[in-house]
Amino acid sequence: GVPGSEGEYMWAGAAGTFFWVDPKQNLAVVAMMQAPGPTRPSM
Protein backbone atom coordinates (compact mmCIF):
# COMPACT_ATOMS: atom_id res chain seq x y z
CA GLY A 1 0.00 0.00 0.00
CA VAL A 2 2.90 2.37 -0.72
CA PRO A 3 4.58 3.36 -3.99
CA GLY A 4 7.87 1.73 -4.91
CA SER A 5 9.64 -0.56 -7.36
CA GLU A 6 10.17 -4.28 -7.62
CA GLY A 7 13.55 -5.05 -6.09
CA GLU A 8 13.78 -2.02 -3.80
CA TYR A 9 15.18 -2.91 -0.39
CA MET A 10 15.17 -1.32 3.05
CA TRP A 11 15.08 -1.59 6.79
CA ALA A 12 14.43 0.61 9.80
CA GLY A 13 15.16 1.02 13.50
CA ALA A 14 13.04 0.80 16.65
CA ALA A 15 13.73 4.45 17.51
CA GLY A 16 12.36 5.73 14.20
CA THR A 17 15.28 5.68 11.73
CA PHE A 18 14.44 4.48 8.19
CA PHE A 19 16.17 4.01 4.84
CA TRP A 20 15.62 2.43 1.48
CA VAL A 21 17.38 1.88 -1.83
CA ASP A 22 15.51 1.67 -5.15
CA PRO A 23 17.82 0.52 -7.97
CA LYS A 24 15.16 0.96 -10.67
CA GLN A 25 14.71 4.62 -9.73
CA ASN A 26 18.43 5.05 -8.92
CA LEU A 27 17.29 6.36 -5.55
CA ALA A 28 18.59 6.21 -1.97
CA VAL A 29 16.75 7.79 0.96
CA VAL A 30 17.72 8.10 4.63
CA ALA A 31 15.45 9.54 7.33
CA MET A 32 16.85 9.80 10.86
CA MET A 33 14.65 10.55 13.87
CA GLN A 34 14.37 9.39 17.47
CA ALA A 35 10.66 8.64 17.59
CA PRO A 36 9.91 5.18 19.00
CA GLY A 37 6.32 4.06 19.37
CA PRO A 38 3.40 2.67 17.37
CA THR A 39 3.27 5.53 14.83
CA ARG A 40 6.52 4.40 13.16
CA PRO A 41 4.87 2.35 10.35
CA SER A 42 2.63 5.31 9.47
CA MET A 43 5.60 7.69 9.44
PDB file of all heavy atoms in Angstrom:
ATOM      1  N   GLY A   1       0.799  -1.223   0.000  1.00  0.00           N
ATOM      2  CA  GLY A   1       0.000   0.000   0.000  1.00  0.00           C
ATOM      3  C   GLY A   1       0.830   1.270   0.000  1.00  0.00           C
ATOM      4  O   GLY A   1       0.398   2.301   0.524  1.00  0.00           O
ATOM      5  N   VAL A   2       2.021   1.198  -0.563  1.00  0.00           N
ATOM      6  CA  VAL A   2       2.896   2.371  -0.717  1.00  0.00           C
ATOM      7  C   VAL A   2       3.548   2.278  -2.086  1.00  0.00           C
ATOM      8  O   VAL A   2       3.739   1.176  -2.624  1.00  0.00           O
ATOM      9  CB  VAL A   2       3.994   2.422   0.369  1.00  0.00           C
ATOM     10  CG1 VAL A   2       3.414   2.800   1.716  1.00  0.00           C
ATOM     11  CG2 VAL A   2       4.758   1.113   0.452  1.00  0.00           C
ATOM     12  N   PRO A   3       3.896   3.415  -2.696  1.00  0.00           N
ATOM     13  CA  PRO A   3       4.583   3.364  -3.989  1.00  0.00           C
ATOM     14  C   PRO A   3       5.988   2.800  -3.829  1.00  0.00           C
ATOM     15  O   PRO A   3       6.575   2.826  -2.749  1.00  0.00           O
ATOM     16  CB  PRO A   3       4.616   4.824  -4.439  1.00  0.00           C
ATOM     17  CG  PRO A   3       4.518   5.607  -3.174  1.00  0.00           C
ATOM     18  CD  PRO A   3       3.679   4.795  -2.242  1.00  0.00           C
ATOM     19  N   GLY A   4       6.530   2.283  -4.926  1.00  0.00           N
ATOM     20  CA  GLY A   4       7.873   1.727  -4.908  1.00  0.00           C
ATOM     21  C   GLY A   4       8.104   0.871  -6.131  1.00  0.00           C
ATOM     22  O   GLY A   4       7.254   0.786  -7.015  1.00  0.00           O
ATOM     23  N   SER A   5       9.248   0.234  -6.192  1.00  0.00           N
ATOM     24  CA  SER A   5       9.640  -0.557  -7.360  1.00  0.00           C
ATOM     25  C   SER A   5       9.989  -1.974  -6.951  1.00  0.00           C
ATOM     26  O   SER A   5      10.513  -2.214  -5.852  1.00  0.00           O
ATOM     27  CB  SER A   5      10.870   0.071  -8.039  1.00  0.00           C
ATOM     28  OG  SER A   5      10.663   1.426  -8.343  1.00  0.00           O
ATOM     29  N   GLU A   6       9.732  -2.902  -7.841  1.00  0.00           N
ATOM     30  CA  GLU A   6      10.168  -4.278  -7.617  1.00  0.00           C
ATOM     31  C   GLU A   6      11.685  -4.295  -7.416  1.00  0.00           C
ATOM     32  O   GLU A   6      12.427  -3.682  -8.176  1.00  0.00           O
ATOM     33  CB  GLU A   6       9.802  -5.142  -8.820  1.00  0.00           C
ATOM     34  CG  GLU A   6      10.201  -6.601  -8.673  1.00  0.00           C
ATOM     35  CD  GLU A   6       9.794  -7.433  -9.863  1.00  0.00           C
ATOM     36  OE1 GLU A   6       9.169  -6.880 -10.800  1.00  0.00           O
ATOM     37  OE2 GLU A   6      10.087  -8.639  -9.874  1.00  0.00           O
ATOM     38  N   GLY A   7      12.118  -4.950  -6.364  1.00  0.00           N
ATOM     39  CA  GLY A   7      13.545  -5.046  -6.093  1.00  0.00           C
ATOM     40  C   GLY A   7      14.096  -3.978  -5.172  1.00  0.00           C
ATOM     41  O   GLY A   7      15.267  -4.046  -4.788  1.00  0.00           O
ATOM     42  N   GLU A   8      13.283  -2.992  -4.778  1.00  0.00           N
ATOM     43  CA  GLU A   8      13.778  -2.015  -3.798  1.00  0.00           C
ATOM     44  C   GLU A   8      13.999  -2.734  -2.468  1.00  0.00           C
ATOM     45  O   GLU A   8      13.353  -3.745  -2.172  1.00  0.00           O
ATOM     46  CB  GLU A   8      12.801  -0.866  -3.622  1.00  0.00           C
ATOM     47  CG  GLU A   8      11.516  -1.287  -2.948  1.00  0.00           C
ATOM     48  CD  GLU A   8      10.594  -0.129  -2.605  1.00  0.00           C
ATOM     49  OE1 GLU A   8      10.785   0.966  -3.132  1.00  0.00           O
ATOM     50  OE2 GLU A   8       9.680  -0.353  -1.799  1.00  0.00           O
ATOM     51  N   TYR A   9      14.905  -2.233  -1.655  1.00  0.00           N
ATOM     52  CA  TYR A   9      15.185  -2.905  -0.385  1.00  0.00           C
ATOM     53  C   TYR A   9      15.417  -1.870   0.708  1.00  0.00           C
ATOM     54  O   TYR A   9      15.789  -0.726   0.431  1.00  0.00           O
ATOM     55  CB  TYR A   9      16.371  -3.859  -0.500  1.00  0.00           C
ATOM     56  CG  TYR A   9      17.620  -3.289  -1.116  1.00  0.00           C
ATOM     57  CD1 TYR A   9      18.648  -2.774  -0.335  1.00  0.00           C
ATOM     58  CD2 TYR A   9      17.784  -3.273  -2.503  1.00  0.00           C
ATOM     59  CE1 TYR A   9      19.806  -2.264  -0.903  1.00  0.00           C
ATOM     60  CE2 TYR A   9      18.942  -2.760  -3.088  1.00  0.00           C
ATOM     61  CZ  TYR A   9      19.943  -2.261  -2.284  1.00  0.00           C
ATOM     62  OH  TYR A   9      21.092  -1.754  -2.851  1.00  0.00           O
ATOM     63  N   MET A  10      15.200  -2.295   1.956  1.00  0.00           N
ATOM     64  CA  MET A  10      15.170  -1.320   3.045  1.00  0.00           C
ATOM     65  C   MET A  10      15.219  -2.004   4.391  1.00  0.00           C
ATOM     66  O   MET A  10      15.100  -3.216   4.515  1.00  0.00           O
ATOM     67  CB  MET A  10      13.882  -0.503   2.953  1.00  0.00           C
ATOM     68  CG  MET A  10      12.620  -1.320   3.220  1.00  0.00           C
ATOM     69  SD  MET A  10      11.095  -0.382   2.948  1.00  0.00           S
ATOM     70  CE  MET A  10      11.128  -0.216   1.165  1.00  0.00           C
ATOM     71  N   TRP A  11      15.362  -1.192   5.427  1.00  0.00           N
ATOM     72  CA  TRP A  11      15.079  -1.588   6.790  1.00  0.00           C
ATOM     73  C   TRP A  11      14.979  -0.334   7.643  1.00  0.00           C
ATOM     74  O   TRP A  11      15.123   0.782   7.138  1.00  0.00           O
ATOM     75  CB  TRP A  11      16.083  -2.588   7.323  1.00  0.00           C
ATOM     76  CG  TRP A  11      15.499  -3.414   8.446  1.00  0.00           C
ATOM     77  CD1 TRP A  11      15.980  -3.551   9.707  1.00  0.00           C
ATOM     78  CD2 TRP A  11      14.301  -4.202   8.384  1.00  0.00           C
ATOM     79  NE1 TRP A  11      15.149  -4.376  10.443  1.00  0.00           N
ATOM     80  CE2 TRP A  11      14.113  -4.784   9.660  1.00  0.00           C
ATOM     81  CE3 TRP A  11      13.344  -4.450   7.393  1.00  0.00           C
ATOM     82  CZ2 TRP A  11      13.027  -5.606   9.971  1.00  0.00           C
ATOM     83  CZ3 TRP A  11      12.254  -5.270   7.691  1.00  0.00           C
ATOM     84  CH2 TRP A  11      12.115  -5.829   8.963  1.00  0.00           C
ATOM     85  N   ALA A  12      14.688  -0.521   8.921  1.00  0.00           N
ATOM     86  CA  ALA A  12      14.432   0.611   9.801  1.00  0.00           C
ATOM     87  C   ALA A  12      14.878   0.260  11.211  1.00  0.00           C
ATOM     88  O   ALA A  12      15.308  -0.866  11.480  1.00  0.00           O
ATOM     89  CB  ALA A  12      12.941   0.970   9.771  1.00  0.00           C
ATOM     90  N   GLY A  13      14.759   1.233  12.122  1.00  0.00           N
ATOM     91  CA  GLY A  13      15.161   1.022  13.497  1.00  0.00           C
ATOM     92  C   GLY A  13      14.039   1.311  14.474  1.00  0.00           C
ATOM     93  O   GLY A  13      13.142   2.121  14.196  1.00  0.00           O
ATOM     94  N   ALA A  14      14.100   0.688  15.652  1.00  0.00           N
ATOM     95  CA  ALA A  14      13.040   0.799  16.645  1.00  0.00           C
ATOM     96  C   ALA A  14      12.838   2.225  17.145  1.00  0.00           C
ATOM     97  O   ALA A  14      11.762   2.571  17.631  1.00  0.00           O
ATOM     98  CB  ALA A  14      13.338  -0.120  17.831  1.00  0.00           C
ATOM     99  N   ALA A  15      13.865   3.071  17.036  1.00  0.00           N
ATOM    100  CA  ALA A  15      13.734   4.452  17.511  1.00  0.00           C
ATOM    101  C   ALA A  15      13.286   5.406  16.418  1.00  0.00           C
ATOM    102  O   ALA A  15      13.257   6.620  16.629  1.00  0.00           O
ATOM    103  CB  ALA A  15      15.051   4.931  18.112  1.00  0.00           C
ATOM    104  N   GLY A  16      12.938   4.890  15.242  1.00  0.00           N
ATOM    105  CA  GLY A  16      12.362   5.726  14.197  1.00  0.00           C
ATOM    106  C   GLY A  16      13.188   5.928  12.949  1.00  0.00           C
ATOM    107  O   GLY A  16      12.706   6.502  11.972  1.00  0.00           O
ATOM    108  N   THR A  17      14.458   5.488  12.927  1.00  0.00           N
ATOM    109  CA  THR A  17      15.277   5.676  11.727  1.00  0.00           C
ATOM    110  C   THR A  17      14.784   4.774  10.602  1.00  0.00           C
ATOM    111  O   THR A  17      14.198   3.711  10.844  1.00  0.00           O
ATOM    112  CB  THR A  17      16.748   5.382  12.027  1.00  0.00           C
ATOM    113  OG1 THR A  17      16.867   4.036  12.518  1.00  0.00           O
ATOM    114  CG2 THR A  17      17.288   6.345  13.066  1.00  0.00           C
ATOM    115  N   PHE A  18      15.031   5.177   9.348  1.00  0.00           N
ATOM    116  CA  PHE A  18      14.445   4.477   8.190  1.00  0.00           C
ATOM    117  C   PHE A  18      15.290   4.783   6.959  1.00  0.00           C
ATOM    118  O   PHE A  18      15.779   5.901   6.800  1.00  0.00           O
ATOM    119  CB  PHE A  18      13.011   4.985   7.995  1.00  0.00           C
ATOM    120  CG  PHE A  18      12.254   4.415   6.832  1.00  0.00           C
ATOM    121  CD1 PHE A  18      12.298   3.066   6.528  1.00  0.00           C
ATOM    122  CD2 PHE A  18      11.454   5.247   6.056  1.00  0.00           C
ATOM    123  CE1 PHE A  18      11.570   2.545   5.458  1.00  0.00           C
ATOM    124  CE2 PHE A  18      10.721   4.743   4.991  1.00  0.00           C
ATOM    125  CZ  PHE A  18      10.776   3.386   4.697  1.00  0.00           C
ATOM    126  N   PHE A  19      15.500   3.768   6.110  1.00  0.00           N
ATOM    127  CA  PHE A  19      16.174   4.013   4.843  1.00  0.00           C
ATOM    128  C   PHE A  19      15.676   3.026   3.801  1.00  0.00           C
ATOM    129  O   PHE A  19      15.140   1.966   4.128  1.00  0.00           O
ATOM    130  CB  PHE A  19      17.700   3.890   4.988  1.00  0.00           C
ATOM    131  CG  PHE A  19      18.224   2.479   4.804  1.00  0.00           C
ATOM    132  CD1 PHE A  19      18.841   2.089   3.620  1.00  0.00           C
ATOM    133  CD2 PHE A  19      18.085   1.536   5.814  1.00  0.00           C
ATOM    134  CE1 PHE A  19      19.308   0.798   3.449  1.00  0.00           C
ATOM    135  CE2 PHE A  19      18.557   0.244   5.665  1.00  0.00           C
ATOM    136  CZ  PHE A  19      19.178  -0.128   4.478  1.00  0.00           C
ATOM    137  N   TRP A  20      15.838   3.398   2.544  1.00  0.00           N
ATOM    138  CA  TRP A  20      15.617   2.426   1.478  1.00  0.00           C
ATOM    139  C   TRP A  20      16.444   2.786   0.260  1.00  0.00           C
ATOM    140  O   TRP A  20      16.903   3.907   0.087  1.00  0.00           O
ATOM    141  CB  TRP A  20      14.144   2.279   1.129  1.00  0.00           C
ATOM    142  CG  TRP A  20      13.519   3.326   0.264  1.00  0.00           C
ATOM    143  CD1 TRP A  20      13.417   3.327  -1.094  1.00  0.00           C
ATOM    144  CD2 TRP A  20      12.847   4.522   0.704  1.00  0.00           C
ATOM    145  NE1 TRP A  20      12.734   4.428  -1.531  1.00  0.00           N
ATOM    146  CE2 TRP A  20      12.365   5.176  -0.458  1.00  0.00           C
ATOM    147  CE3 TRP A  20      12.600   5.090   1.957  1.00  0.00           C
ATOM    148  CZ2 TRP A  20      11.661   6.369  -0.404  1.00  0.00           C
ATOM    149  CZ3 TRP A  20      11.893   6.294   2.025  1.00  0.00           C
ATOM    150  CH2 TRP A  20      11.444   6.911   0.850  1.00  0.00           C
ATOM    151  N   VAL A  21      16.625   1.770  -0.585  1.00  0.00           N
ATOM    152  CA  VAL A  21      17.378   1.883  -1.833  1.00  0.00           C
ATOM    153  C   VAL A  21      16.501   1.330  -2.942  1.00  0.00           C
ATOM    154  O   VAL A  21      15.972   0.218  -2.822  1.00  0.00           O
ATOM    155  CB  VAL A  21      18.703   1.100  -1.760  1.00  0.00           C
ATOM    156  CG1 VAL A  21      19.401   1.085  -3.123  1.00  0.00           C
ATOM    157  CG2 VAL A  21      19.615   1.693  -0.695  1.00  0.00           C
ATOM    158  N   ASP A  22      16.324   2.095  -4.014  1.00  0.00           N
ATOM    159  CA  ASP A  22      15.514   1.672  -5.152  1.00  0.00           C
ATOM    160  C   ASP A  22      16.384   1.691  -6.409  1.00  0.00           C
ATOM    161  O   ASP A  22      16.568   2.745  -7.025  1.00  0.00           O
ATOM    162  CB  ASP A  22      14.312   2.615  -5.317  1.00  0.00           C
ATOM    163  CG  ASP A  22      13.344   2.148  -6.402  1.00  0.00           C
ATOM    164  OD1 ASP A  22      13.772   1.403  -7.305  1.00  0.00           O
ATOM    165  OD2 ASP A  22      12.170   2.543  -6.344  1.00  0.00           O
ATOM    166  N   PRO A  23      16.945   0.542  -6.795  1.00  0.00           N
ATOM    167  CA  PRO A  23      17.824   0.523  -7.974  1.00  0.00           C
ATOM    168  C   PRO A  23      17.129   0.950  -9.259  1.00  0.00           C
ATOM    169  O   PRO A  23      17.754   1.588 -10.116  1.00  0.00           O
ATOM    170  CB  PRO A  23      18.285  -0.941  -8.041  1.00  0.00           C
ATOM    171  CG  PRO A  23      18.155  -1.447  -6.643  1.00  0.00           C
ATOM    172  CD  PRO A  23      16.931  -0.764  -6.109  1.00  0.00           C
ATOM    173  N   LYS A  24      15.853   0.609  -9.423  1.00  0.00           N
ATOM    174  CA  LYS A  24      15.159   0.963 -10.666  1.00  0.00           C
ATOM    175  C   LYS A  24      15.000   2.470 -10.804  1.00  0.00           C
ATOM    176  O   LYS A  24      15.039   3.008 -11.923  1.00  0.00           O
ATOM    177  CB  LYS A  24      13.795   0.265 -10.726  1.00  0.00           C
ATOM    178  CG  LYS A  24      13.901  -1.233 -10.994  1.00  0.00           C
ATOM    179  CD  LYS A  24      12.567  -1.839 -11.357  1.00  0.00           C
ATOM    180  CE  LYS A  24      12.747  -3.296 -11.754  1.00  0.00           C
ATOM    181  NZ  LYS A  24      11.458  -3.936 -12.127  1.00  0.00           N
ATOM    182  N   GLN A  25      14.824   3.153  -9.701  1.00  0.00           N
ATOM    183  CA  GLN A  25      14.706   4.616  -9.728  1.00  0.00           C
ATOM    184  C   GLN A  25      16.043   5.302  -9.450  1.00  0.00           C
ATOM    185  O   GLN A  25      16.105   6.535  -9.403  1.00  0.00           O
ATOM    186  CB  GLN A  25      13.666   5.076  -8.696  1.00  0.00           C
ATOM    187  CG  GLN A  25      12.242   4.720  -9.051  1.00  0.00           C
ATOM    188  CD  GLN A  25      11.727   5.519 -10.237  1.00  0.00           C
ATOM    189  OE1 GLN A  25      12.313   6.523 -10.648  1.00  0.00           O
ATOM    190  NE2 GLN A  25      10.619   5.066 -10.814  1.00  0.00           N
ATOM    191  N   ASN A  26      17.103   4.513  -9.240  1.00  0.00           N
ATOM    192  CA  ASN A  26      18.428   5.054  -8.915  1.00  0.00           C
ATOM    193  C   ASN A  26      18.316   6.025  -7.743  1.00  0.00           C
ATOM    194  O   ASN A  26      18.783   7.165  -7.796  1.00  0.00           O
ATOM    195  CB  ASN A  26      19.052   5.732 -10.131  1.00  0.00           C
ATOM    196  CG  ASN A  26      20.579   5.807 -10.024  1.00  0.00           C
ATOM    197  OD1 ASN A  26      21.170   5.376  -9.034  1.00  0.00           O
ATOM    198  ND2 ASN A  26      21.212   6.373 -11.029  1.00  0.00           N
ATOM    199  N   LEU A  27      17.708   5.526  -6.671  1.00  0.00           N
ATOM    200  CA  LEU A  27      17.289   6.355  -5.551  1.00  0.00           C
ATOM    201  C   LEU A  27      17.756   5.761  -4.227  1.00  0.00           C
ATOM    202  O   LEU A  27      17.673   4.556  -4.014  1.00  0.00           O
ATOM    203  CB  LEU A  27      15.755   6.438  -5.563  1.00  0.00           C
ATOM    204  CG  LEU A  27      15.045   7.245  -4.488  1.00  0.00           C
ATOM    205  CD1 LEU A  27      15.207   8.746  -4.747  1.00  0.00           C
ATOM    206  CD2 LEU A  27      13.561   6.874  -4.469  1.00  0.00           C
ATOM    207  N   ALA A  28      18.267   6.611  -3.336  1.00  0.00           N
ATOM    208  CA  ALA A  28      18.592   6.208  -1.970  1.00  0.00           C
ATOM    209  C   ALA A  28      18.071   7.284  -1.033  1.00  0.00           C
ATOM    210  O   ALA A  28      18.289   8.477  -1.256  1.00  0.00           O
ATOM    211  CB  ALA A  28      20.098   6.033  -1.790  1.00  0.00           C
ATOM    212  N   VAL A  29      17.377   6.855   0.027  1.00  0.00           N
ATOM    213  CA  VAL A  29      16.751   7.789   0.962  1.00  0.00           C
ATOM    214  C   VAL A  29      17.089   7.373   2.387  1.00  0.00           C
ATOM    215  O   VAL A  29      16.997   6.191   2.735  1.00  0.00           O
ATOM    216  CB  VAL A  29      15.218   7.822   0.786  1.00  0.00           C
ATOM    217  CG1 VAL A  29      14.590   8.823   1.762  1.00  0.00           C
ATOM    218  CG2 VAL A  29      14.837   8.146  -0.648  1.00  0.00           C
ATOM    219  N   VAL A  30      17.471   8.334   3.207  1.00  0.00           N
ATOM    220  CA  VAL A  30      17.724   8.104   4.630  1.00  0.00           C
ATOM    221  C   VAL A  30      16.939   9.133   5.423  1.00  0.00           C
ATOM    222  O   VAL A  30      16.990  10.332   5.121  1.00  0.00           O
ATOM    223  CB  VAL A  30      19.225   8.221   4.970  1.00  0.00           C
ATOM    224  CG1 VAL A  30      19.439   8.163   6.485  1.00  0.00           C
ATOM    225  CG2 VAL A  30      20.018   7.123   4.285  1.00  0.00           C
ATOM    226  N   ALA A  31      16.186   8.655   6.421  1.00  0.00           N
ATOM    227  CA  ALA A  31      15.451   9.537   7.330  1.00  0.00           C
ATOM    228  C   ALA A  31      15.802   9.146   8.755  1.00  0.00           C
ATOM    229  O   ALA A  31      15.559   8.014   9.168  1.00  0.00           O
ATOM    230  CB  ALA A  31      13.947   9.427   7.100  1.00  0.00           C
ATOM    231  N   MET A  32      16.408  10.067   9.496  1.00  0.00           N
ATOM    232  CA  MET A  32      16.850   9.801  10.864  1.00  0.00           C
ATOM    233  C   MET A  32      16.014  10.609  11.858  1.00  0.00           C
ATOM    234  O   MET A  32      15.953  11.840  11.775  1.00  0.00           O
ATOM    235  CB  MET A  32      18.320  10.172  11.029  1.00  0.00           C
ATOM    236  CG  MET A  32      19.282   9.294  10.233  1.00  0.00           C
ATOM    237  SD  MET A  32      19.425   7.646  10.950  1.00  0.00           S
ATOM    238  CE  MET A  32      21.036   7.152  10.306  1.00  0.00           C
ATOM    239  N   MET A  33      15.377   9.899  12.779  1.00  0.00           N
ATOM    240  CA  MET A  33      14.647  10.551  13.871  1.00  0.00           C
ATOM    241  C   MET A  33      14.701   9.634  15.088  1.00  0.00           C
ATOM    242  O   MET A  33      15.008   8.447  14.980  1.00  0.00           O
ATOM    243  CB  MET A  33      13.208  10.846  13.453  1.00  0.00           C
ATOM    244  CG  MET A  33      12.360   9.614  13.169  1.00  0.00           C
ATOM    245  SD  MET A  33      10.762  10.012  12.423  1.00  0.00           S
ATOM    246  CE  MET A  33      11.236  10.178  10.691  1.00  0.00           C
ATOM    247  N   GLN A  34      14.454  10.193  16.263  1.00  0.00           N
ATOM    248  CA  GLN A  34      14.370   9.391  17.467  1.00  0.00           C
ATOM    249  C   GLN A  34      12.934   9.469  17.956  1.00  0.00           C
ATOM    250  O   GLN A  34      12.567  10.267  18.817  1.00  0.00           O
ATOM    251  CB  GLN A  34      15.356   9.887  18.520  1.00  0.00           C
ATOM    252  CG  GLN A  34      16.804   9.834  18.082  1.00  0.00           C
ATOM    253  CD  GLN A  34      17.427   8.444  17.992  1.00  0.00           C
ATOM    254  OE1 GLN A  34      18.389   8.128  18.679  1.00  0.00           O
ATOM    255  NE2 GLN A  34      16.900   7.602  17.103  1.00  0.00           N
ATOM    256  N   ALA A  35      12.094   8.630  17.324  1.00  0.00           N
ATOM    257  CA  ALA A  35      10.661   8.637  17.592  1.00  0.00           C
ATOM    258  C   ALA A  35      10.155   7.209  17.689  1.00  0.00           C
ATOM    259  O   ALA A  35       9.528   6.688  16.766  1.00  0.00           O
ATOM    260  CB  ALA A  35       9.929   9.400  16.492  1.00  0.00           C
ATOM    261  N   PRO A  36      10.445   6.529  18.809  1.00  0.00           N
ATOM    262  CA  PRO A  36       9.913   5.183  18.995  1.00  0.00           C
ATOM    263  C   PRO A  36       8.405   5.236  19.214  1.00  0.00           C
ATOM    264  O   PRO A  36       7.845   6.308  19.461  1.00  0.00           O
ATOM    265  CB  PRO A  36      10.635   4.706  20.259  1.00  0.00           C
ATOM    266  CG  PRO A  36      10.930   5.953  21.019  1.00  0.00           C
ATOM    267  CD  PRO A  36      11.196   7.011  19.981  1.00  0.00           C
ATOM    268  N   GLY A  37       7.756   4.089  19.119  1.00  0.00           N
ATOM    269  CA  GLY A  37       6.318   4.064  19.372  1.00  0.00           C
ATOM    270  C   GLY A  37       5.540   3.514  18.198  1.00  0.00           C
ATOM    271  O   GLY A  37       6.078   3.261  17.118  1.00  0.00           O
ATOM    272  N   PRO A  38       4.240   3.342  18.377  1.00  0.00           N
ATOM    273  CA  PRO A  38       3.403   2.666  17.373  1.00  0.00           C
ATOM    274  C   PRO A  38       3.133   3.455  16.103  1.00  0.00           C
ATOM    275  O   PRO A  38       2.554   2.919  15.155  1.00  0.00           O
ATOM    276  CB  PRO A  38       2.100   2.401  18.136  1.00  0.00           C
ATOM    277  CG  PRO A  38       2.078   3.425  19.220  1.00  0.00           C
ATOM    278  CD  PRO A  38       3.499   3.650  19.603  1.00  0.00           C
ATOM    279  N   THR A  39       3.513   4.735  16.043  1.00  0.00           N
ATOM    280  CA  THR A  39       3.267   5.526  14.834  1.00  0.00           C
ATOM    281  C   THR A  39       4.357   5.336  13.785  1.00  0.00           C
ATOM    282  O   THR A  39       4.252   5.885  12.687  1.00  0.00           O
ATOM    283  CB  THR A  39       3.172   7.032  15.179  1.00  0.00           C
ATOM    284  OG1 THR A  39       4.409   7.453  15.770  1.00  0.00           O
ATOM    285  CG2 THR A  39       2.036   7.304  16.150  1.00  0.00           C
ATOM    286  N   ARG A  40       5.408   4.558  14.102  1.00  0.00           N
ATOM    287  CA  ARG A  40       6.522   4.401  13.158  1.00  0.00           C
ATOM    288  C   ARG A  40       6.088   3.878  11.789  1.00  0.00           C
ATOM    289  O   ARG A  40       6.513   4.425  10.763  1.00  0.00           O
ATOM    290  CB  ARG A  40       7.590   3.481  13.753  1.00  0.00           C
ATOM    291  CG  ARG A  40       8.414   4.120  14.853  1.00  0.00           C
ATOM    292  CD  ARG A  40       9.277   3.078  15.536  1.00  0.00           C
ATOM    293  NE  ARG A  40       8.455   2.066  16.195  1.00  0.00           N
ATOM    294  CZ  ARG A  40       8.850   0.832  16.482  1.00  0.00           C
ATOM    295  NH1 ARG A  40      10.049   0.424  16.137  1.00  0.00           N
ATOM    296  NH2 ARG A  40       8.046  -0.005  17.097  1.00  0.00           N
ATOM    297  N   PRO A  41       5.266   2.814  11.690  1.00  0.00           N
ATOM    298  CA  PRO A  41       4.870   2.351  10.348  1.00  0.00           C
ATOM    299  C   PRO A  41       4.188   3.435   9.524  1.00  0.00           C
ATOM    300  O   PRO A  41       4.447   3.580   8.330  1.00  0.00           O
ATOM    301  CB  PRO A  41       3.917   1.190  10.657  1.00  0.00           C
ATOM    302  CG  PRO A  41       4.363   0.679  11.991  1.00  0.00           C
ATOM    303  CD  PRO A  41       4.770   1.905  12.742  1.00  0.00           C
ATOM    304  N   SER A  42       3.310   4.225  10.176  1.00  0.00           N
ATOM    305  CA  SER A  42       2.628   5.307   9.468  1.00  0.00           C
ATOM    306  C   SER A  42       3.616   6.362   8.993  1.00  0.00           C
ATOM    307  O   SER A  42       3.504   6.875   7.870  1.00  0.00           O
ATOM    308  CB  SER A  42       1.582   5.935  10.389  1.00  0.00           C
ATOM    309  OG  SER A  42       0.993   7.064   9.778  1.00  0.00           O
ATOM    310  N   MET A  43       4.602   6.682   9.820  1.00  0.00           N
ATOM    311  CA  MET A  43       5.596   7.691   9.444  1.00  0.00           C
ATOM    312  C   MET A  43       6.424   7.207   8.255  1.00  0.00           C
ATOM    313  O   MET A  43       6.730   7.985   7.340  1.00  0.00           O
ATOM    314  CB  MET A  43       6.506   7.989  10.635  1.00  0.00           C
ATOM    315  CG  MET A  43       7.434   9.175  10.431  1.00  0.00           C
ATOM    316  SD  MET A  43       6.553  10.734  10.256  1.00  0.00           S
ATOM    317  CE  MET A  43       5.776  10.839  11.887  1.00  0.00           C
TER     318      MET A  43
END
